[in-house]
Structure formats: C-alpha cells, structure tokens
Amino acid sequence: MVTPELAREYARRGVGLLDPDAAVAALLHEIAAGDEPQVVFAGSVADPTGGTGADGADGTGGPEAAGTTP
C-alpha cells in the first residue's frame, strides 16, 4: 500500500500499482511452482537524462547486460 499522495505521483508518472490480493496470489503461485529456473526478458525506455544503466536499464543492454546469460 502507498499513501494517496504517492499513488497520485505514480499515476502522474504512468506507474501502475499492484492489487494487493493479486500480488499475494502471484507470489504464492511462484513459490508453489518450485525452483525451476526461468529466463525473463524485459524492456525499458532509454534514460531521459542520458545516463547509462550498468544492468542494461538504459534500453541498450541485452540479456548479457541484465545478467541473464547462460
């Protein structure tokens, strides 16, 4: 949960909030699934300040930058 002020700030930035019940259910589902490794690819927009993300968060890094190489 976040304060109403923080929720408004997140909304202004286009950041959605997780439904607490759905988040708990998803976590319990992941825990019950076991420890089979999975690879997750995610994308992000470039850093508007011109910075670079060491983990590939600046939008230029691939799986290697995110530490997901085999």
PDB file of N, CA and C in Angstrom:
ATOM      1  N   MET A   1       0.839  -1.185   0.000  1.00  0.00           N
ATOM      2  CA  MET A   1       0.000   0.000   0.000  1.00  0.00           C
ATOM      3  C   MET A   1       0.882   1.246   0.000  1.00  0.00           C
ATOM      4  N   VAL A   2       0.370   2.263  -0.621  1.00  0.00           N
ATOM      5  CA  VAL A   2       1.067   3.545  -0.637  1.00  0.00           C
ATOM      6  C   VAL A   2       0.087   4.625  -0.182  1.00  0.00           C
ATOM      7  N   THR A   3       0.638   5.758   0.186  1.00  0.00           N
ATOM      8  CA  THR A   3      -0.204   6.881   0.579  1.00  0.00           C
ATOM      9  C   THR A   3      -0.929   7.423  -0.654  1.00  0.00           C
ATOM     10  N   PRO A   4      -2.046   8.102  -0.455  1.00  0.00           N
ATOM     11  CA  PRO A   4      -2.737   8.706  -1.603  1.00  0.00           C
ATOM     12  C   PRO A   4      -1.832   9.655  -2.393  1.00  0.00           C
ATOM     13  N   GLU A   5      -0.983  10.388  -1.690  1.00  0.00           N
ATOM     14  CA  GLU A   5      -0.068  11.312  -2.368  1.00  0.00           C
ATOM     15  C   GLU A   5       0.901  10.552  -3.277  1.00  0.00           C
ATOM     16  N   LEU A   6       1.461   9.456  -2.773  1.00  0.00           N
ATOM     17  CA  LEU A   6       2.386   8.659  -3.578  1.00  0.00           C
ATOM     18  C   LEU A   6       1.656   7.984  -4.738  1.00  0.00           C
ATOM     19  N   ALA A   7       0.433   7.536  -4.514  1.00  0.00           N
ATOM     20  CA  ALA A   7      -0.356   6.938  -5.591  1.00  0.00           C
ATOM     21  C   ALA A   7      -0.585   7.952  -6.709  1.00  0.00           C
ATOM     22  N   ARG A   8      -0.878   9.200  -6.348  1.00  0.00           N
ATOM     23  CA  ARG A   8      -1.055  10.244  -7.368  1.00  0.00           C
ATOM     24  C   ARG A   8       0.238  10.491  -8.138  1.00  0.00           C
ATOM     25  N   GLU A   9       1.366  10.499  -7.427  1.00  0.00           N
ATOM     26  CA  GLU A   9       2.655  10.717  -8.091  1.00  0.00           C
ATOM     27  C   GLU A   9       2.968   9.572  -9.047  1.00  0.00           C
ATOM     28  N   TYR A  10       2.720   8.349  -8.609  1.00  0.00           N
ATOM     29  CA  TYR A  10       2.926   7.204  -9.504  1.00  0.00           C
ATOM     30  C   TYR A  10       2.029   7.328 -10.734  1.00  0.00           C
ATOM     31  N   ALA A  11       0.773   7.686 -10.533  1.00  0.00           N
ATOM     32  CA  ALA A  11      -0.151   7.837 -11.658  1.00  0.00           C
ATOM     33  C   ALA A  11       0.337   8.925 -12.609  1.00  0.00           C
ATOM     34  N   ARG A  12       0.846  10.018 -12.070  1.00  0.00           N
ATOM     35  CA  ARG A  12       1.363  11.106 -12.904  1.00  0.00           C
ATOM     36  C   ARG A  12       2.509  10.619 -13.779  1.00  0.00           C
ATOM     37  N   ARG A  13       3.311   9.699 -13.249  1.00  0.00           N
ATOM     38  CA  ARG A  13       4.457   9.166 -13.989  1.00  0.00           C
ATOM     39  C   ARG A  13       4.104   7.948 -14.834  1.00  0.00           C
ATOM     40  N   GLY A  14       2.851   7.535 -14.791  1.00  0.00           N
ATOM     41  CA  GLY A  14       2.424   6.389 -15.581  1.00  0.00           C
ATOM     42  C   GLY A  14       2.795   5.053 -14.965  1.00  0.00           C
ATOM     43  N   VAL A  15       3.018   5.030 -13.651  1.00  0.00           N
ATOM     44  CA  VAL A  15       3.378   3.798 -12.955  1.00  0.00           C
ATOM     45  C   VAL A  15       2.130   3.241 -12.295  1.00  0.00           C
ATOM     46  N   GLY A  16       1.748   2.035 -12.681  1.00  0.00           N
ATOM     47  CA  GLY A  16       0.573   1.410 -12.101  1.00  0.00           C
ATOM     48  C   GLY A  16       0.890   0.759 -10.765  1.00  0.00           C
ATOM     49  N   LEU A  17      -0.142   0.587  -9.963  1.00  0.00           N
ATOM     50  CA  LEU A  17       0.007  -0.070  -8.674  1.00  0.00           C
ATOM     51  C   LEU A  17      -0.509  -1.499  -8.763  1.00  0.00           C
ATOM     52  N   LEU A  18       0.081  -2.374  -7.984  1.00  0.00           N
ATOM     53  CA  LEU A  18      -0.367  -3.758  -7.930  1.00  0.00           C
ATOM     54  C   LEU A  18      -1.551  -3.881  -6.984  1.00  0.00           C
ATOM     55  N   ASP A  19      -2.516  -4.702  -7.373  1.00  0.00           N
ATOM     56  CA  ASP A  19      -3.598  -5.032  -6.464  1.00  0.00           C
ATOM     57  C   ASP A  19      -3.017  -5.956  -5.392  1.00  0.00           C
ATOM     58  N   PRO A  20      -3.148  -5.620  -4.102  1.00  0.00           N
ATOM     59  CA  PRO A  20      -2.517  -6.434  -3.055  1.00  0.00           C
ATOM     60  C   PRO A  20      -2.922  -7.906  -3.091  1.00  0.00           C
ATOM     61  N   ASP A  21      -4.209  -8.203  -3.278  1.00  0.00           N
ATOM     62  CA  ASP A  21      -4.647  -9.600  -3.310  1.00  0.00           C
ATOM     63  C   ASP A  21      -4.059 -10.340  -4.508  1.00  0.00           C
ATOM     64  N   ALA A  22      -4.037  -9.687  -5.668  1.00  0.00           N
ATOM     65  CA  ALA A  22      -3.468 -10.311  -6.860  1.00  0.00           C
ATOM     66  C   ALA A  22      -1.965 -10.512  -6.701  1.00  0.00           C
ATOM     67  N   ALA A  23      -1.286  -9.560  -6.067  1.00  0.00           N
ATOM     68  CA  ALA A  23       0.160  -9.679  -5.863  1.00  0.00           C
ATOM     69  C   ALA A  23       0.486 -10.844  -4.938  1.00  0.00           C
ATOM     70  N   VAL A  24      -0.284 -10.990  -3.860  1.00  0.00           N
ATOM     71  CA  VAL A  24      -0.066 -12.113  -2.936  1.00  0.00           C
ATOM     72  C   VAL A  24      -0.322 -13.432  -3.652  1.00  0.00           C
ATOM     73  N   ALA A  25      -1.395 -13.503  -4.423  1.00  0.00           N
ATOM     74  CA  ALA A  25      -1.706 -14.732  -5.155  1.00  0.00           C
ATOM     75  C   ALA A  25      -0.595 -15.076  -6.140  1.00  0.00           C
ATOM     76  N   ALA A  26      -0.061 -14.077  -6.839  1.00  0.00           N
ATOM     77  CA  ALA A  26       1.026 -14.319  -7.791  1.00  0.00           C
ATOM     78  C   ALA A  26       2.281 -14.801  -7.083  1.00  0.00           C
ATOM     79  N   LEU A  27       2.597 -14.208  -5.939  1.00  0.00           N
ATOM     80  CA  LEU A  27       3.767 -14.633  -5.172  1.00  0.00           C
ATOM     81  C   LEU A  27       3.608 -16.075  -4.712  1.00  0.00           C
ATOM     82  N   LEU A  28       2.455 -16.418  -4.158  1.00  0.00           N
ATOM     83  CA  LEU A  28       2.226 -17.788  -3.695  1.00  0.00           C
ATOM     84  C   LEU A  28       2.285 -18.781  -4.850  1.00  0.00           C
ATOM     85  N   HIS A  29       1.781 -18.377  -6.016  1.00  0.00           N
ATOM     86  CA  HIS A  29       1.856 -19.233  -7.202  1.00  0.00           C
ATOM     87  C   HIS A  29       3.311 -19.486  -7.596  1.00  0.00           C
ATOM     88  N   GLU A  30       4.127 -18.440  -7.586  1.00  0.00           N
ATOM     89  CA  GLU A  30       5.546 -18.582  -7.927  1.00  0.00           C
ATOM     90  C   GLU A  30       6.275 -19.471  -6.927  1.00  0.00           C
ATOM     91  N   ILE A  31       5.979 -19.307  -5.649  1.00  0.00           N
ATOM     92  CA  ILE A  31       6.628 -20.139  -4.628  1.00  0.00           C
ATOM     93  C   ILE A  31       6.238 -21.595  -4.816  1.00  0.00           C
ATOM     94  N   ALA A  32       4.960 -21.853  -5.095  1.00  0.00           N
ATOM     95  CA  ALA A  32       4.475 -23.220  -5.264  1.00  0.00           C
ATOM     96  C   ALA A  32       5.010 -23.871  -6.537  1.00  0.00           C
ATOM     97  N   ALA A  33       5.434 -23.073  -7.511  1.00  0.00           N
ATOM     98  CA  ALA A  33       5.899 -23.603  -8.795  1.00  0.00           C
ATOM     99  C   ALA A  33       7.236 -24.316  -8.683  1.00  0.00           C
ATOM    100  N   GLY A  34       7.935 -24.164  -7.580  1.00  0.00           N
ATOM    101  CA  GLY A  34       9.227 -24.820  -7.420  1.00  0.00           C
ATOM    102  C   GLY A  34      10.366 -23.917  -7.825  1.00  0.00           C
ATOM    103  N   ASP A  35      11.535 -24.529  -7.977  1.00  0.00           N
ATOM    104  CA  ASP A  35      12.725 -23.731  -8.258  1.00  0.00           C
ATOM    105  C   ASP A  35      13.283 -23.963  -9.655  1.00  0.00           C
ATOM    106  N   GLU A  36      12.415 -24.339 -10.593  1.00  0.00           N
ATOM    107  CA  GLU A  36      12.832 -24.468 -11.989  1.00  0.00           C
ATOM    108  C   GLU A  36      13.236 -23.086 -12.497  1.00  0.00           C
ATOM    109  N   PRO A  37      14.477 -22.929 -12.989  1.00  0.00           N
ATOM    110  CA  PRO A  37      14.906 -21.595 -13.442  1.00  0.00           C
ATOM    111  C   PRO A  37      14.120 -21.140 -14.670  1.00  0.00           C
ATOM    112  N   GLN A  38      13.890 -19.852 -14.744  1.00  0.00           N
ATOM    113  CA  GLN A  38      13.214 -19.244 -15.880  1.00  0.00           C
ATOM    114  C   GLN A  38      14.007 -18.029 -16.326  1.00  0.00           C
ATOM    115  N   VAL A  39      13.927 -17.746 -17.613  1.00  0.00           N
ATOM    116  CA  VAL A  39      14.561 -16.545 -18.150  1.00  0.00           C
ATOM    117  C   VAL A  39      13.442 -15.568 -18.482  1.00  0.00           C
ATOM    118  N   VAL A  40      13.563 -14.357 -17.992  1.00  0.00           N
ATOM    119  CA  VAL A  40      12.562 -13.328 -18.246  1.00  0.00           C
ATOM    120  C   VAL A  40      13.235 -12.180 -18.976  1.00  0.00           C
ATOM    121  N   PHE A  41      12.698 -11.832 -20.130  1.00  0.00           N
ATOM    122  CA  PHE A  41      13.207 -10.696 -20.887  1.00  0.00           C
ATOM    123  C   PHE A  41      12.267  -9.519 -20.659  1.00  0.00           C
ATOM    124  N   ALA A  42      12.828  -8.377 -20.369  1.00  0.00           N
ATOM    125  CA  ALA A  42      12.021  -7.178 -20.155  1.00  0.00           C
ATOM    126  C   ALA A  42      12.668  -6.014 -20.886  1.00  0.00           C
ATOM    127  N   GLY A  43      11.872  -5.076 -21.273  1.00  0.00           N
ATOM    128  CA  GLY A  43      12.392  -3.904 -21.958  1.00  0.00           C
ATOM    129  C   GLY A  43      12.069  -2.653 -21.177  1.00  0.00           C
ATOM    130  N   SER A  44      12.813  -1.614 -21.449  1.00  0.00           N
ATOM    131  CA  SER A  44      12.556  -0.331 -20.811  1.00  0.00           C
ATOM    132  C   SER A  44      12.923   0.770 -21.785  1.00  0.00           C
ATOM    133  N   VAL A  45      12.506   1.955 -21.462  1.00  0.00           N
ATOM    134  CA  VAL A  45      12.848   3.096 -22.308  1.00  0.00           C
ATOM    135  C   VAL A  45      14.215   3.620 -21.918  1.00  0.00           C
ATOM    136  N   ALA A  46      14.825   4.345 -22.826  1.00  0.00           N
ATOM    137  CA  ALA A  46      16.134   4.935 -22.551  1.00  0.00           C
ATOM    138  C   ALA A  46      16.024   5.946 -21.419  1.00  0.00           C
ATOM    139  N   ASP A  47      17.096   6.110 -20.693  1.00  0.00           N
ATOM    140  CA  ASP A  47      17.162   7.071 -19.596  1.00  0.00           C
ATOM    141  C   ASP A  47      17.077   8.478 -20.180  1.00  0.00           C
ATOM    142  N   PRO A  48      16.047   9.261 -19.817  1.00  0.00           N
ATOM    143  CA  PRO A  48      15.911  10.601 -20.399  1.00  0.00           C
ATOM    144  C   PRO A  48      17.016  11.563 -19.982  1.00  0.00           C
ATOM    145  N   THR A  49      17.783  11.210 -18.946  1.00  0.00           N
ATOM    146  CA  THR A  49      18.873  12.084 -18.516  1.00  0.00           C
ATOM    147  C   THR A  49      20.145  11.820 -19.299  1.00  0.00           C
ATOM    148  N   GLY A  50      20.121  10.790 -20.160  1.00  0.00           N
ATOM    149  CA  GLY A  50      21.302  10.474 -20.947  1.00  0.00           C
ATOM    150  C   GLY A  50      22.258   9.529 -20.251  1.00  0.00           C
ATOM    151  N   GLY A  51      21.899   9.077 -19.066  1.00  0.00           N
ATOM    152  CA  GLY A  51      22.753   8.145 -18.332  1.00  0.00           C
ATOM    153  C   GLY A  51      22.687   6.753 -18.932  1.00  0.00           C
ATOM    154  N   THR A  52      23.584   5.926 -18.519  1.00  0.00           N
ATOM    155  CA  THR A  52      23.565   4.545 -18.971  1.00  0.00           C
ATOM    156  C   THR A  52      23.399   3.652 -17.767  1.00  0.00           C
ATOM    157  N   GLY A  53      22.629   2.612 -17.944  1.00  0.00           N
ATOM    158  CA  GLY A  53      22.410   1.666 -16.856  1.00  0.00           C
ATOM    159  C   GLY A  53      23.385   0.519 -16.960  1.00  0.00           C
ATOM    160  N   ALA A  54      24.096   0.244 -15.909  1.00  0.00           N
ATOM    161  CA  ALA A  54      25.062  -0.851 -15.918  1.00  0.00           C
ATOM    162  C   ALA A  54      24.379  -2.183 -16.140  1.00  0.00           C
ATOM    163  N   ASP A  55      23.090  -2.282 -15.787  1.00  0.00           N
ATOM    164  CA  ASP A  55      22.372  -3.536 -15.958  1.00  0.00           C
ATOM    165  C   ASP A  55      21.555  -3.562 -17.241  1.00  0.00           C
ATOM    166  N   GLY A  56      21.793  -2.635 -18.129  1.00  0.00           N
ATOM    167  CA  GLY A  56      21.053  -2.581 -19.378  1.00  0.00           C
ATOM    168  C   GLY A  56      19.766  -1.793 -19.265  1.00  0.00           C
ATOM    169  N   ALA A  57      19.526  -1.136 -18.148  1.00  0.00           N
ATOM    170  CA  ALA A  57      18.282  -0.416 -17.928  1.00  0.00           C
ATOM    171  C   ALA A  57      18.155   0.831 -18.788  1.00  0.00           C
ATOM    172  N   ASP A  58      19.214   1.187 -19.500  1.00  0.00           N
ATOM    173  CA  ASP A  58      19.135   2.368 -20.363  1.00  0.00           C
ATOM    174  C   ASP A  58      18.525   2.042 -21.719  1.00  0.00           C
ATOM    175  N   GLY A  59      18.090   0.819 -21.907  1.00  0.00           N
ATOM    176  CA  GLY A  59      17.468   0.433 -23.157  1.00  0.00           C
ATOM    177  C   GLY A  59      18.443  -0.080 -24.184  1.00  0.00           C
ATOM    178  N   THR A  60      19.751  -0.060 -23.910  1.00  0.00           N
ATOM    179  CA  THR A  60      20.727  -0.536 -24.881  1.00  0.00           C
ATOM    180  C   THR A  60      21.233  -1.925 -24.556  1.00  0.00           C
ATOM    181  N   GLY A  61      21.053  -2.358 -23.344  1.00  0.00           N
ATOM    182  CA  GLY A  61      21.591  -3.649 -22.929  1.00  0.00           C
ATOM    183  C   GLY A  61      20.681  -4.791 -23.319  1.00  0.00           C
ATOM    184  N   GLY A  62      21.281  -5.890 -23.660  1.00  0.00           N
ATOM    185  CA  GLY A  62      20.521  -7.093 -23.946  1.00  0.00           C
ATOM    186  C   GLY A  62      20.564  -8.007 -22.743  1.00  0.00           C
ATOM    187  N   PRO A  63      20.292  -9.277 -22.953  1.00  0.00           N
ATOM    188  CA  PRO A  63      20.328 -10.229 -21.849  1.00  0.00           C
ATOM    189  C   PRO A  63      21.670 -10.262 -21.136  1.00  0.00           C
ATOM    190  N   GLU A  64      22.756 -10.059 -21.902  1.00  0.00           N
ATOM    191  CA  GLU A  64      24.072 -10.082 -21.271  1.00  0.00           C
ATOM    192  C   GLU A  64      24.197  -8.962 -20.244  1.00  0.00           C
ATOM    193  N   ALA A  65      23.678  -7.781 -20.594  1.00  0.00           N
ATOM    194  CA  ALA A  65      23.772  -6.642 -19.688  1.00  0.00           C
ATOM    195  C   ALA A  65      22.921  -6.840 -18.445  1.00  0.00           C
ATOM    196  N   ALA A  66      21.851  -7.615 -18.574  1.00  0.00           N
ATOM    197  CA  ALA A  66      20.962  -7.834 -17.437  1.00  0.00           C
ATOM    198  C   ALA A  66      21.404  -9.016 -16.592  1.00  0.00           C
ATOM    199  N   GLY A  67      22.492  -9.659 -16.968  1.00  0.00           N
ATOM    200  CA  GLY A  67      22.998 -10.773 -16.169  1.00  0.00           C
ATOM    201  C   GLY A  67      22.240 -12.067 -16.376  1.00  0.00           C
ATOM    202  N   THR A  68      21.646 -12.256 -17.562  1.00  0.00           N
ATOM    203  CA  THR A  68      20.868 -13.467 -17.789  1.00  0.00           C
ATOM    204  C   THR A  68      21.510 -14.399 -18.804  1.00  0.00           C
ATOM    205  N   THR A  69      22.798 -14.247 -19.034  1.00  0.00           N
ATOM    206  CA  THR A  69      23.453 -15.144 -19.975  1.00  0.00           C
ATOM    207  C   THR A  69      23.584 -16.517 -19.345  1.00  0.00           C
ATOM    208  N   PRO A  70      23.565 -17.568 -20.162  1.00  0.00           N
ATOM    209  CA  PRO A  70      23.663 -18.934 -19.609  1.00  0.00           C
ATOM    210  C   PRO A  70      24.986 -19.200 -18.936  1.00  0.00           C
TER     211      PRO A  70
END
